[in-house]
Amino acid sequence: MDRDTGQIVLDRMLFTSMQYPADYGFIDGTLGQDGDPLDALVFVGEPTFPGCRIAARPIGMFRMTDEKGPDEKILCVPLKDPMWSHVRELGDVNPNLLNEIEHFFAVYKDLEGHKVAIGGFAERAEALEVVEAARAAVG
């Protein structure tokens, strides 16, 4: 998102034949440690579209570091989707989906020649702390 115009900007194309394991976006009104809005993965049954706003509940976080520094991914479920209403924490998520997320972020920049360091998953409480810190960073 361009901060001055509010328009959606294509940040990058994936160089691999992979696709994101969940809808990928950002949490409005936040500033992550990498200088960008805080990244979010939202588990949905069908892909949405650029600019779609989803009321979502954070359930955990995936930690990683890239060339710009810490780059946490907040894992969320939509508030209004009964398929995900039972999910309150990472332990409620299918372990295979978590494995897919970890694998994706471990290799998604390989063909660009960029390296990432994987830091594993964190529970909901830590994710909420990161979101609050990112909101405070906006001012």
Protein backbone atom coordinates (compact mmCIF):
# COMPACT_ATOMS: atom_id res chain seq x y z
CA MET A 1 0.00 0.00 0.00
CA ASP A 2 1.40 3.37 -0.97
CA ARG A 3 1.31 5.46 2.20
CA ASP A 4 0.80 8.73 0.32
CA THR A 5 -1.91 7.72 -2.14
CA GLY A 6 -3.52 4.78 -0.35
CA GLN A 7 -3.30 2.78 -3.57
CA ILE A 8 -2.36 -0.88 -3.72
CA VAL A 9 1.15 -1.40 -5.06
CA LEU A 10 2.55 -4.70 -6.28
CA ASP A 11 5.49 -5.26 -3.95
CA ARG A 12 7.01 -8.24 -5.73
CA MET A 13 6.29 -11.23 -7.89
CA LEU A 14 7.22 -14.60 -6.50
CA PHE A 15 10.17 -16.00 -8.44
CA THR A 16 9.18 -19.57 -7.56
CA SER A 17 6.25 -21.62 -8.82
CA MET A 18 4.85 -21.60 -5.29
CA GLN A 19 1.86 -19.68 -4.00
CA TYR A 20 1.18 -18.24 -0.57
CA PRO A 21 -0.33 -20.88 1.75
CA ALA A 22 -3.06 -18.45 2.87
CA ASP A 23 -4.35 -15.02 1.90
CA TYR A 24 -1.51 -12.59 2.45
CA GLY A 25 -1.86 -8.96 3.41
CA PHE A 26 -1.12 -6.49 6.15
CA ILE A 27 -2.63 -5.09 9.32
CA ASP A 28 -3.70 -1.52 8.71
CA GLY A 29 -2.42 1.08 11.16
CA THR A 30 0.73 -0.84 12.09
CA LEU A 31 4.43 -0.48 11.42
CA GLY A 32 6.58 -3.58 11.71
CA GLN A 33 10.27 -3.71 12.55
CA ASP A 34 11.05 -3.85 8.81
CA GLY A 35 9.46 -0.42 8.26
CA ASP A 36 6.39 -1.84 6.51
CA PRO A 37 2.89 -2.51 7.85
CA LEU A 38 2.77 -5.75 9.82
CA ASP A 39 2.26 -8.79 7.56
CA ALA A 40 -0.74 -11.06 8.06
CA LEU A 41 -1.79 -14.46 6.75
CA VAL A 42 -5.54 -15.02 6.94
CA PHE A 43 -6.85 -18.57 6.63
CA VAL A 44 -9.82 -18.48 4.27
CA GLY A 45 -11.61 -21.15 2.27
CA GLU A 46 -11.37 -19.21 -0.99
CA PRO A 47 -8.92 -16.57 -2.20
CA THR A 48 -10.07 -12.98 -1.84
CA PHE A 49 -8.85 -10.02 -3.89
CA PRO A 50 -6.38 -7.13 -3.49
CA GLY A 51 -7.72 -4.47 -1.17
CA CYS A 52 -10.22 -6.79 0.50
CA ARG A 53 -10.54 -5.96 4.20
CA ILE A 54 -11.12 -8.94 6.46
CA ALA A 55 -12.13 -8.64 10.11
CA ALA A 56 -9.86 -11.28 11.60
CA ARG A 57 -8.68 -12.74 14.91
CA PRO A 58 -4.94 -13.25 15.47
CA ILE A 59 -4.22 -16.81 16.62
CA GLY A 60 -0.44 -16.89 16.49
CA MET A 61 2.61 -15.71 14.64
CA PHE A 62 5.35 -17.02 12.39
CA ARG A 63 8.78 -15.56 13.11
CA MET A 64 11.32 -14.96 10.39
CA THR A 65 14.07 -12.55 9.47
CA ASP A 66 14.94 -11.37 5.98
CA GLU A 67 17.35 -8.85 4.48
CA LYS A 68 15.41 -5.99 6.12
CA GLY A 69 15.39 -7.53 9.61
CA PRO A 70 12.64 -9.17 11.68
CA ASP A 71 9.58 -9.85 9.52
CA GLU A 72 6.85 -11.44 11.62
CA LYS A 73 3.75 -12.88 9.98
CA ILE A 74 0.60 -12.64 12.11
CA LEU A 75 -1.59 -15.71 11.57
CA CYS A 76 -5.31 -14.95 11.62
CA VAL A 77 -8.73 -16.44 11.04
CA PRO A 78 -11.72 -14.46 9.73
CA LEU A 79 -14.27 -13.50 12.38
CA LYS A 80 -17.26 -14.16 10.13
CA ASP A 81 -16.36 -17.57 8.70
CA PRO A 82 -17.96 -20.52 10.53
CA MET A 83 -15.31 -22.87 9.08
CA TRP A 84 -12.70 -21.17 11.28
CA SER A 85 -14.83 -20.13 14.28
CA HIS A 86 -13.41 -22.93 16.45
CA VAL A 87 -9.81 -21.79 15.88
CA ARG A 88 -8.54 -19.72 18.81
CA GLU A 89 -4.85 -20.67 18.92
CA LEU A 90 -2.19 -22.46 16.88
CA GLY A 91 -3.02 -25.81 18.43
CA ASP A 92 -6.42 -25.64 16.72
CA VAL A 93 -4.84 -25.42 13.25
CA ASN A 94 -4.15 -28.47 11.12
CA PRO A 95 -0.43 -29.20 11.63
CA ASN A 96 0.02 -29.72 7.89
CA LEU A 97 -1.01 -26.11 7.22
CA LEU A 98 1.59 -24.92 9.72
CA ASN A 99 4.20 -27.11 7.99
CA GLU A 100 3.23 -25.56 4.64
CA ILE A 101 3.64 -22.06 6.06
CA GLU A 102 7.06 -22.84 7.48
CA HIS A 103 8.23 -24.50 4.26
CA PHE A 104 6.92 -21.67 2.08
CA PHE A 105 8.70 -18.94 3.99
CA ALA A 106 11.89 -20.99 4.25
CA VAL A 107 12.28 -21.16 0.45
CA TYR A 108 10.10 -18.51 -1.21
CA LYS A 109 13.01 -16.12 -1.85
CA ASP A 110 15.55 -18.75 -2.94
CA LEU A 111 15.38 -17.94 -6.66
CA GLU A 112 15.87 -14.24 -5.89
CA GLY A 113 19.13 -15.07 -4.16
CA HIS A 114 17.83 -13.71 -0.85
CA LYS A 115 18.21 -15.62 2.37
CA VAL A 116 15.74 -15.80 5.22
CA ALA A 117 16.12 -17.15 8.73
CA ILE A 118 13.17 -19.08 10.10
CA GLY A 119 12.31 -18.50 13.75
CA GLY A 120 9.34 -20.84 14.16
CA PHE A 121 5.89 -20.18 15.51
CA ALA A 122 4.72 -18.15 18.50
CA GLU A 123 1.44 -18.37 20.35
CA ARG A 124 -1.42 -15.87 20.30
CA ALA A 125 -0.24 -13.84 23.31
CA GLU A 126 3.09 -13.03 21.68
CA ALA A 127 1.37 -12.23 18.38
CA LEU A 128 -0.91 -9.74 20.16
CA GLU A 129 2.13 -8.10 21.79
CA VAL A 130 3.75 -7.66 18.37
CA VAL A 131 0.53 -6.19 16.94
CA GLU A 132 0.25 -3.71 19.82
CA ALA A 133 3.91 -2.68 19.46
CA ALA A 134 3.40 -2.20 15.71
CA ARG A 135 0.34 -0.03 16.36
CA ALA A 136 2.30 2.04 18.88
CA ALA A 137 5.10 2.49 16.31
CA VAL A 138 2.68 4.36 14.05
CA GLY A 139 2.12 6.89 16.82
